[in-house]
ModelCIF file with pLDDT and N, C-alpha, C, O atoms, coordinates in Angstrom:
data_MODEL
#
_entry.id   MODEL 
#
_entity.id                         1 
_entity.type                       polymer 
_entity.pdbx_number_of_molecules   1 
#
_entity_poly.entity_id                      1 
_entity_poly.type                           'polypeptide(L)' 
_entity_poly.nstd_linkage                   no 
_entity_poly.nstd_monomer                   no 
_entity_poly.pdbx_seq_one_letter_code       PQIYRIFGALILFIPILILSHWGAGSYLDLANDNIE 
_entity_poly.pdbx_seq_one_letter_code_can   PQIYRIFGALILFIPILILSHWGAGSYLDLANDNIE 
_entity_poly.pdbx_strand_id                 A 
#
loop_
_entity_poly_seq.entity_id 
_entity_poly_seq.num 
_entity_poly_seq.mon_id 
_entity_poly_seq.hetero 
1 1  PRO n 
1 2  GLN n 
1 3  ILE n 
1 4  TYR n 
1 5  ARG n 
1 6  ILE n 
1 7  PHE n 
1 8  GLY n 
1 9  ALA n 
1 10 LEU n 
1 11 ILE n 
1 12 LEU n 
1 13 PHE n 
1 14 ILE n 
1 15 PRO n 
1 16 ILE n 
1 17 LEU n 
1 18 ILE n 
1 19 LEU n 
1 20 SER n 
1 21 HIS n 
1 22 TRP n 
1 23 GLY n 
1 24 ALA n 
1 25 GLY n 
1 26 SER n 
1 27 TYR n 
1 28 LEU n 
1 29 ASP n 
1 30 LEU n 
1 31 ALA n 
1 32 ASN n 
1 33 ASP n 
1 34 ASN n 
1 35 ILE n 
1 36 GLU n 
#
_struct_asym.id          A 
_struct_asym.entity_id   1 
#
loop_
_ma_qa_metric.id 
_ma_qa_metric.mode 
_ma_qa_metric.name 
_ma_qa_metric.software_group_id 
_ma_qa_metric.type 
1 global pLDDT . pLDDT 
2 local  pLDDT . pLDDT 
#
_ma_qa_metric_global.metric_id      1 
_ma_qa_metric_global.metric_value   93.08 
_ma_qa_metric_global.model_id       1 
_ma_qa_metric_global.ordinal_id     1 
#
loop_
_ma_qa_metric_local.label_asym_id 
_ma_qa_metric_local.label_comp_id 
_ma_qa_metric_local.label_seq_id 
_ma_qa_metric_local.metric_id 
_ma_qa_metric_local.metric_value 
_ma_qa_metric_local.model_id 
_ma_qa_metric_local.ordinal_id 
A PRO 1  2 94.00 1 1  
A GLN 2  2 94.00 1 2  
A ILE 3  2 95.00 1 3  
A TYR 4  2 96.00 1 4  
A ARG 5  2 96.00 1 5  
A ILE 6  2 96.00 1 6  
A PHE 7  2 96.00 1 7  
A GLY 8  2 96.00 1 8  
A ALA 9  2 96.00 1 9  
A LEU 10 2 96.00 1 10 
A ILE 11 2 95.00 1 11 
A LEU 12 2 96.00 1 12 
A PHE 13 2 96.00 1 13 
A ILE 14 2 95.00 1 14 
A PRO 15 2 95.00 1 15 
A ILE 16 2 95.00 1 16 
A LEU 17 2 93.00 1 17 
A ILE 18 2 93.00 1 18 
A LEU 19 2 94.00 1 19 
A SER 20 2 91.00 1 20 
A HIS 21 2 90.00 1 21 
A TRP 22 2 91.00 1 22 
A GLY 23 2 90.00 1 23 
A ALA 24 2 90.00 1 24 
A GLY 25 2 91.00 1 25 
A SER 26 2 91.00 1 26 
A TYR 27 2 90.00 1 27 
A LEU 28 2 90.00 1 28 
A ASP 29 2 88.00 1 29 
A LEU 30 2 90.00 1 30 
A ALA 31 2 93.00 1 31 
A ASN 32 2 92.00 1 32 
A ASP 33 2 90.00 1 33 
A ASN 34 2 93.00 1 34 
A ILE 35 2 93.00 1 35 
A GLU 36 2 91.00 1 36 
#
loop_
_atom_site.group_PDB 
_atom_site.id 
_atom_site.type_symbol 
_atom_site.label_atom_id 
_atom_site.label_alt_id 
_atom_site.label_comp_id 
_atom_site.label_asym_id 
_atom_site.label_entity_id 
_atom_site.label_seq_id 
_atom_site.pdbx_PDB_ins_code 
_atom_site.Cartn_x 
_atom_site.Cartn_y 
_atom_site.Cartn_z 
_atom_site.occupancy 
_atom_site.B_iso_or_equiv 
_atom_site.pdbx_formal_charge 
_atom_site.auth_seq_id 
_atom_site.auth_comp_id 
_atom_site.auth_asym_id 
_atom_site.auth_atom_id 
_atom_site.pdbx_PDB_model_num 
ATOM 1   N N  . PRO A 1 1  ? -5.885 19.669 -26.395 1.00 94.00 ? 1  PRO A N  1 
ATOM 2   C CA . PRO A 1 1  ? -6.598 18.432 -25.785 1.00 94.00 ? 1  PRO A CA 1 
ATOM 3   C C  . PRO A 1 1  ? -5.538 17.388 -25.883 1.00 94.00 ? 1  PRO A C  1 
ATOM 4   O O  . PRO A 1 1  ? -5.933 16.349 -25.354 1.00 94.00 ? 1  PRO A O  1 
ATOM 5   N N  . GLN A 1 2  ? -4.423 17.299 -26.334 1.00 94.00 ? 2  GLN A N  1 
ATOM 6   C CA . GLN A 1 2  ? -3.610 15.960 -26.691 1.00 94.00 ? 2  GLN A CA 1 
ATOM 7   C C  . GLN A 1 2  ? -2.580 15.938 -25.558 1.00 94.00 ? 2  GLN A C  1 
ATOM 8   O O  . GLN A 1 2  ? -2.121 14.907 -25.065 1.00 94.00 ? 2  GLN A O  1 
ATOM 9   N N  . ILE A 1 3  ? -2.186 17.528 -25.104 1.00 95.00 ? 3  ILE A N  1 
ATOM 10  C CA . ILE A 1 3  ? -1.588 17.826 -23.933 1.00 95.00 ? 3  ILE A CA 1 
ATOM 11  C C  . ILE A 1 3  ? -2.374 17.460 -22.710 1.00 95.00 ? 3  ILE A C  1 
ATOM 12  O O  . ILE A 1 3  ? -1.810 16.903 -21.769 1.00 95.00 ? 3  ILE A O  1 
ATOM 13  N N  . TYR A 1 4  ? -3.613 17.739 -22.683 1.00 96.00 ? 4  TYR A N  1 
ATOM 14  C CA . TYR A 1 4  ? -4.618 16.985 -21.512 1.00 96.00 ? 4  TYR A CA 1 
ATOM 15  C C  . TYR A 1 4  ? -4.113 15.869 -21.450 1.00 96.00 ? 4  TYR A C  1 
ATOM 16  O O  . TYR A 1 4  ? -3.103 15.707 -20.766 1.00 96.00 ? 4  TYR A O  1 
ATOM 17  N N  . ARG A 1 5  ? -4.707 14.795 -22.169 1.00 96.00 ? 5  ARG A N  1 
ATOM 18  C CA . ARG A 1 5  ? -5.114 13.639 -22.614 1.00 96.00 ? 5  ARG A CA 1 
ATOM 19  C C  . ARG A 1 5  ? -3.446 13.049 -22.168 1.00 96.00 ? 5  ARG A C  1 
ATOM 20  O O  . ARG A 1 5  ? -3.418 12.450 -21.093 1.00 96.00 ? 5  ARG A O  1 
ATOM 21  N N  . ILE A 1 6  ? -2.636 13.129 -22.614 1.00 96.00 ? 6  ILE A N  1 
ATOM 22  C CA . ILE A 1 6  ? -0.925 12.789 -22.252 1.00 96.00 ? 6  ILE A CA 1 
ATOM 23  C C  . ILE A 1 6  ? -0.860 13.077 -21.151 1.00 96.00 ? 6  ILE A C  1 
ATOM 24  O O  . ILE A 1 6  ? -0.491 12.135 -20.450 1.00 96.00 ? 6  ILE A O  1 
ATOM 25  N N  . PHE A 1 7  ? -1.045 13.949 -20.649 1.00 96.00 ? 7  PHE A N  1 
ATOM 26  C CA . PHE A 1 7  ? -0.939 14.571 -19.017 1.00 96.00 ? 7  PHE A CA 1 
ATOM 27  C C  . PHE A 1 7  ? -2.023 13.523 -17.626 1.00 96.00 ? 7  PHE A C  1 
ATOM 28  O O  . PHE A 1 7  ? -1.809 13.322 -16.431 1.00 96.00 ? 7  PHE A O  1 
ATOM 29  N N  . GLY A 1 8  ? -2.952 13.167 -18.387 1.00 96.00 ? 8  GLY A N  1 
ATOM 30  C CA . GLY A 1 8  ? -3.782 12.750 -17.722 1.00 96.00 ? 8  GLY A CA 1 
ATOM 31  C C  . GLY A 1 8  ? -3.410 11.209 -17.339 1.00 96.00 ? 8  GLY A C  1 
ATOM 32  O O  . GLY A 1 8  ? -3.344 10.597 -16.273 1.00 96.00 ? 8  GLY A O  1 
ATOM 33  N N  . ALA A 1 9  ? -3.186 10.853 -18.771 1.00 96.00 ? 9  ALA A N  1 
ATOM 34  C CA . ALA A 1 9  ? -2.875 9.245  -18.947 1.00 96.00 ? 9  ALA A CA 1 
ATOM 35  C C  . ALA A 1 9  ? -1.155 9.025  -18.058 1.00 96.00 ? 9  ALA A C  1 
ATOM 36  O O  . ALA A 1 9  ? -0.753 7.931  -17.662 1.00 96.00 ? 9  ALA A O  1 
ATOM 37  N N  . LEU A 1 10 ? -0.425 10.267 -17.923 1.00 96.00 ? 10 LEU A N  1 
ATOM 38  C CA . LEU A 1 10 ? 1.359  10.151 -17.402 1.00 96.00 ? 10 LEU A CA 1 
ATOM 39  C C  . LEU A 1 10 ? 0.445  9.825  -15.723 1.00 96.00 ? 10 LEU A C  1 
ATOM 40  O O  . LEU A 1 10 ? 0.380  8.802  -15.041 1.00 96.00 ? 10 LEU A O  1 
ATOM 41  N N  . ILE A 1 11 ? -0.312 11.587 -15.479 1.00 95.00 ? 11 ILE A N  1 
ATOM 42  C CA . ILE A 1 11 ? -0.401 11.243 -13.887 1.00 95.00 ? 11 ILE A CA 1 
ATOM 43  C C  . ILE A 1 11 ? -1.263 10.107 -13.435 1.00 95.00 ? 11 ILE A C  1 
ATOM 44  O O  . ILE A 1 11 ? -1.245 9.803  -12.243 1.00 95.00 ? 11 ILE A O  1 
ATOM 45  N N  . LEU A 1 12 ? -2.168 9.322  -14.450 1.00 96.00 ? 12 LEU A N  1 
ATOM 46  C CA . LEU A 1 12 ? -2.590 8.206  -13.639 1.00 96.00 ? 12 LEU A CA 1 
ATOM 47  C C  . LEU A 1 12 ? -1.544 7.063  -14.046 1.00 96.00 ? 12 LEU A C  1 
ATOM 48  O O  . LEU A 1 12 ? -1.366 6.259  -13.131 1.00 96.00 ? 12 LEU A O  1 
ATOM 49  N N  . PHE A 1 13 ? -1.031 6.884  -14.864 1.00 96.00 ? 13 PHE A N  1 
ATOM 50  C CA . PHE A 1 13 ? -0.211 5.728  -14.535 1.00 96.00 ? 13 PHE A CA 1 
ATOM 51  C C  . PHE A 1 13 ? 1.283  5.675  -13.824 1.00 96.00 ? 13 PHE A C  1 
ATOM 52  O O  . PHE A 1 13 ? 1.877  4.671  -13.432 1.00 96.00 ? 13 PHE A O  1 
ATOM 53  N N  . ILE A 1 14 ? 1.641  6.826  -13.782 1.00 95.00 ? 14 ILE A N  1 
ATOM 54  C CA . ILE A 1 14 ? 2.950  6.756  -12.764 1.00 95.00 ? 14 ILE A CA 1 
ATOM 55  C C  . ILE A 1 14 ? 2.724  6.289  -11.414 1.00 95.00 ? 14 ILE A C  1 
ATOM 56  O O  . ILE A 1 14 ? 3.607  5.812  -10.701 1.00 95.00 ? 14 ILE A O  1 
ATOM 57  N N  . PRO A 1 15 ? 1.538  6.439  -11.095 1.00 95.00 ? 15 PRO A N  1 
ATOM 58  C CA . PRO A 1 15 ? 0.812  6.241  -9.264  1.00 95.00 ? 15 PRO A CA 1 
ATOM 59  C C  . PRO A 1 15 ? 0.601  4.738  -9.454  1.00 95.00 ? 15 PRO A C  1 
ATOM 60  O O  . PRO A 1 15 ? 0.974  3.994  -8.546  1.00 95.00 ? 15 PRO A O  1 
ATOM 61  N N  . ILE A 1 16 ? 0.131  4.310  -10.371 1.00 95.00 ? 16 ILE A N  1 
ATOM 62  C CA . ILE A 1 16 ? -0.173 2.864  -10.468 1.00 95.00 ? 16 ILE A CA 1 
ATOM 63  C C  . ILE A 1 16 ? 0.864  2.151  -10.532 1.00 95.00 ? 16 ILE A C  1 
ATOM 64  O O  . ILE A 1 16 ? 0.984  1.190  -9.771  1.00 95.00 ? 16 ILE A O  1 
ATOM 65  N N  . LEU A 1 17 ? 1.848  2.475  -11.469 1.00 93.00 ? 17 LEU A N  1 
ATOM 66  C CA . LEU A 1 17 ? 3.438  2.003  -11.654 1.00 93.00 ? 17 LEU A CA 1 
ATOM 67  C C  . LEU A 1 17 ? 4.043  1.665  -10.166 1.00 93.00 ? 17 LEU A C  1 
ATOM 68  O O  . LEU A 1 17 ? 4.556  0.590  -9.855  1.00 93.00 ? 17 LEU A O  1 
ATOM 69  N N  . ILE A 1 18 ? 3.881  2.786  -9.325  1.00 93.00 ? 18 ILE A N  1 
ATOM 70  C CA . ILE A 1 18 ? 4.768  2.907  -8.318  1.00 93.00 ? 18 ILE A CA 1 
ATOM 71  C C  . ILE A 1 18 ? 4.074  1.973  -7.243  1.00 93.00 ? 18 ILE A C  1 
ATOM 72  O O  . ILE A 1 18 ? 4.671  1.243  -6.451  1.00 93.00 ? 18 ILE A O  1 
ATOM 73  N N  . LEU A 1 19 ? 2.649  2.139  -7.365  1.00 94.00 ? 19 LEU A N  1 
ATOM 74  C CA . LEU A 1 19 ? 2.330  1.128  -6.359  1.00 94.00 ? 19 LEU A CA 1 
ATOM 75  C C  . LEU A 1 19 ? 2.217  -0.019 -6.525  1.00 94.00 ? 19 LEU A C  1 
ATOM 76  O O  . LEU A 1 19 ? 2.117  -0.655 -5.476  1.00 94.00 ? 19 LEU A O  1 
ATOM 77  N N  . SER A 1 20 ? 2.186  -0.638 -7.511  1.00 91.00 ? 20 SER A N  1 
ATOM 78  C CA . SER A 1 20 ? 2.405  -2.272 -8.241  1.00 91.00 ? 20 SER A CA 1 
ATOM 79  C C  . SER A 1 20 ? 3.573  -2.803 -7.647  1.00 91.00 ? 20 SER A C  1 
ATOM 80  O O  . SER A 1 20 ? 3.774  -4.018 -7.657  1.00 91.00 ? 20 SER A O  1 
ATOM 81  N N  . HIS A 1 21 ? 4.536  -1.824 -7.013  1.00 90.00 ? 21 HIS A N  1 
ATOM 82  C CA . HIS A 1 21 ? 6.006  -2.611 -6.701  1.00 90.00 ? 21 HIS A CA 1 
ATOM 83  C C  . HIS A 1 21 ? 6.003  -1.774 -5.353  1.00 90.00 ? 21 HIS A C  1 
ATOM 84  O O  . HIS A 1 21 ? 6.987  -2.041 -4.662  1.00 90.00 ? 21 HIS A O  1 
ATOM 85  N N  . TRP A 1 22 ? 5.111  -0.784 -4.775  1.00 91.00 ? 22 TRP A N  1 
ATOM 86  C CA . TRP A 1 22 ? 5.472  -0.618 -3.364  1.00 91.00 ? 22 TRP A CA 1 
ATOM 87  C C  . TRP A 1 22 ? 4.108  0.138  -2.848  1.00 91.00 ? 22 TRP A C  1 
ATOM 88  O O  . TRP A 1 22 ? 3.823  1.334  -2.923  1.00 91.00 ? 22 TRP A O  1 
ATOM 89  N N  . GLY A 1 23 ? 3.237  -1.139 -2.208  1.00 90.00 ? 23 GLY A N  1 
ATOM 90  C CA . GLY A 1 23 ? 2.110  -1.128 -1.632  1.00 90.00 ? 23 GLY A CA 1 
ATOM 91  C C  . GLY A 1 23 ? 1.903  -0.637 -0.474  1.00 90.00 ? 23 GLY A C  1 
ATOM 92  O O  . GLY A 1 23 ? 0.777  -0.416 -0.030  1.00 90.00 ? 23 GLY A O  1 
ATOM 93  N N  . ALA A 1 24 ? 3.315  -0.348 0.326   1.00 90.00 ? 24 ALA A N  1 
ATOM 94  C CA . ALA A 1 24 ? 2.857  0.279  1.936   1.00 90.00 ? 24 ALA A CA 1 
ATOM 95  C C  . ALA A 1 24 ? 2.442  1.985  1.673   1.00 90.00 ? 24 ALA A C  1 
ATOM 96  O O  . ALA A 1 24 ? 2.107  2.693  2.623   1.00 90.00 ? 24 ALA A O  1 
ATOM 97  N N  . GLY A 1 25 ? 2.527  2.560  0.111   1.00 91.00 ? 25 GLY A N  1 
ATOM 98  C CA . GLY A 1 25 ? 2.241  3.457  -0.458  1.00 91.00 ? 25 GLY A CA 1 
ATOM 99  C C  . GLY A 1 25 ? 0.552  3.708  -0.671  1.00 91.00 ? 25 GLY A C  1 
ATOM 100 O O  . GLY A 1 25 ? 0.036  4.614  -1.326  1.00 91.00 ? 25 GLY A O  1 
ATOM 101 N N  . SER A 1 26 ? -0.052 2.758  -0.007  1.00 91.00 ? 26 SER A N  1 
ATOM 102 C CA . SER A 1 26 ? -1.564 2.675  -0.632  1.00 91.00 ? 26 SER A CA 1 
ATOM 103 C C  . SER A 1 26 ? -2.309 3.419  0.596   1.00 91.00 ? 26 SER A C  1 
ATOM 104 O O  . SER A 1 26 ? -1.826 3.653  1.704   1.00 91.00 ? 26 SER A O  1 
ATOM 105 N N  . TYR A 1 27 ? -3.477 3.702  0.171   1.00 90.00 ? 27 TYR A N  1 
ATOM 106 C CA . TYR A 1 27 ? -4.364 3.946  1.848   1.00 90.00 ? 27 TYR A CA 1 
ATOM 107 C C  . TYR A 1 27 ? -5.534 2.550  2.195   1.00 90.00 ? 27 TYR A C  1 
ATOM 108 O O  . TYR A 1 27 ? -6.418 2.488  3.050   1.00 90.00 ? 27 TYR A O  1 
ATOM 109 N N  . LEU A 1 28 ? -5.137 1.606  1.233   1.00 90.00 ? 28 LEU A N  1 
ATOM 110 C CA . LEU A 1 28 ? -6.109 0.284  1.222   1.00 90.00 ? 28 LEU A CA 1 
ATOM 111 C C  . LEU A 1 28 ? -5.036 -0.674 2.717   1.00 90.00 ? 28 LEU A C  1 
ATOM 112 O O  . LEU A 1 28 ? -3.882 -0.933 3.059   1.00 90.00 ? 28 LEU A O  1 
ATOM 113 N N  . ASP A 1 29 ? -6.197 -0.821 3.046   1.00 88.00 ? 29 ASP A N  1 
ATOM 114 C CA . ASP A 1 29 ? -6.109 -1.707 4.595   1.00 88.00 ? 29 ASP A CA 1 
ATOM 115 C C  . ASP A 1 29 ? -6.292 -3.170 3.940   1.00 88.00 ? 29 ASP A C  1 
ATOM 116 O O  . ASP A 1 29 ? -7.264 -3.922 4.014   1.00 88.00 ? 29 ASP A O  1 
ATOM 117 N N  . LEU A 1 30 ? -4.991 -3.353 3.239   1.00 90.00 ? 30 LEU A N  1 
ATOM 118 C CA . LEU A 1 30 ? -4.536 -5.100 3.028   1.00 90.00 ? 30 LEU A CA 1 
ATOM 119 C C  . LEU A 1 30 ? -3.165 -5.338 2.768   1.00 90.00 ? 30 LEU A C  1 
ATOM 120 O O  . LEU A 1 30 ? -2.485 -4.342 2.522   1.00 90.00 ? 30 LEU A O  1 
ATOM 121 N N  . ALA A 1 31 ? -2.619 -6.443 2.771   1.00 93.00 ? 31 ALA A N  1 
ATOM 122 C CA . ALA A 1 31 ? -0.920 -6.620 2.956   1.00 93.00 ? 31 ALA A CA 1 
ATOM 123 C C  . ALA A 1 31 ? -0.774 -5.983 1.421   1.00 93.00 ? 31 ALA A C  1 
ATOM 124 O O  . ALA A 1 31 ? -1.434 -5.767 0.405   1.00 93.00 ? 31 ALA A O  1 
ATOM 125 N N  . ASN A 1 32 ? 0.578  -5.835 1.987   1.00 92.00 ? 32 ASN A N  1 
ATOM 126 C CA . ASN A 1 32 ? 1.562  -5.258 0.664   1.00 92.00 ? 32 ASN A CA 1 
ATOM 127 C C  . ASN A 1 32 ? 1.120  -5.912 -0.810  1.00 92.00 ? 32 ASN A C  1 
ATOM 128 O O  . ASN A 1 32 ? 0.596  -5.439 -1.818  1.00 92.00 ? 32 ASN A O  1 
ATOM 129 N N  . ASP A 1 33 ? 1.590  -7.223 -0.431  1.00 90.00 ? 33 ASP A N  1 
ATOM 130 C CA . ASP A 1 33 ? 1.603  -7.797 -1.802  1.00 90.00 ? 33 ASP A CA 1 
ATOM 131 C C  . ASP A 1 33 ? 0.159  -8.057 -2.890  1.00 90.00 ? 33 ASP A C  1 
ATOM 132 O O  . ASP A 1 33 ? 0.059  -8.403 -4.067  1.00 90.00 ? 33 ASP A O  1 
ATOM 133 N N  . ASN A 1 34 ? -1.040 -7.619 -1.604  1.00 93.00 ? 34 ASN A N  1 
ATOM 134 C CA . ASN A 1 34 ? -2.214 -8.054 -2.633  1.00 93.00 ? 34 ASN A CA 1 
ATOM 135 C C  . ASN A 1 34 ? -2.744 -6.462 -3.061  1.00 93.00 ? 34 ASN A C  1 
ATOM 136 O O  . ASN A 1 34 ? -3.819 -6.250 -3.621  1.00 93.00 ? 34 ASN A O  1 
ATOM 137 N N  . ILE A 1 35 ? -1.921 -5.574 -2.739  1.00 93.00 ? 35 ILE A N  1 
ATOM 138 C CA . ILE A 1 35 ? -2.096 -4.103 -3.053  1.00 93.00 ? 35 ILE A CA 1 
ATOM 139 C C  . ILE A 1 35 ? -1.343 -4.150 -3.880  1.00 93.00 ? 35 ILE A C  1 
ATOM 140 O O  . ILE A 1 35 ? -1.915 -3.594 -4.818  1.00 93.00 ? 35 ILE A O  1 
ATOM 141 N N  . GLU A 1 36 ? -0.317 -4.473 -4.227  1.00 91.00 ? 36 GLU A N  1 
ATOM 142 C CA . GLU A 1 36 ? 0.998  -4.620 -5.737  1.00 91.00 ? 36 GLU A CA 1 
ATOM 143 C C  . GLU A 1 36 ? 0.437  -5.559 -6.612  1.00 91.00 ? 36 GLU A C  1 
ATOM 144 O O  . GLU A 1 36 ? 1.024  -5.864 -7.650  1.00 91.00 ? 36 GLU A O  1 
#
């Protein structure tokens, strides 16, 4: 269960960390600064 939770958290946080500095990779129809 710990492996499930660790990898679930990693797979969640890494994309959020990337999108917080690269808004162009988002599906959202907003300005990049707003997405970040």
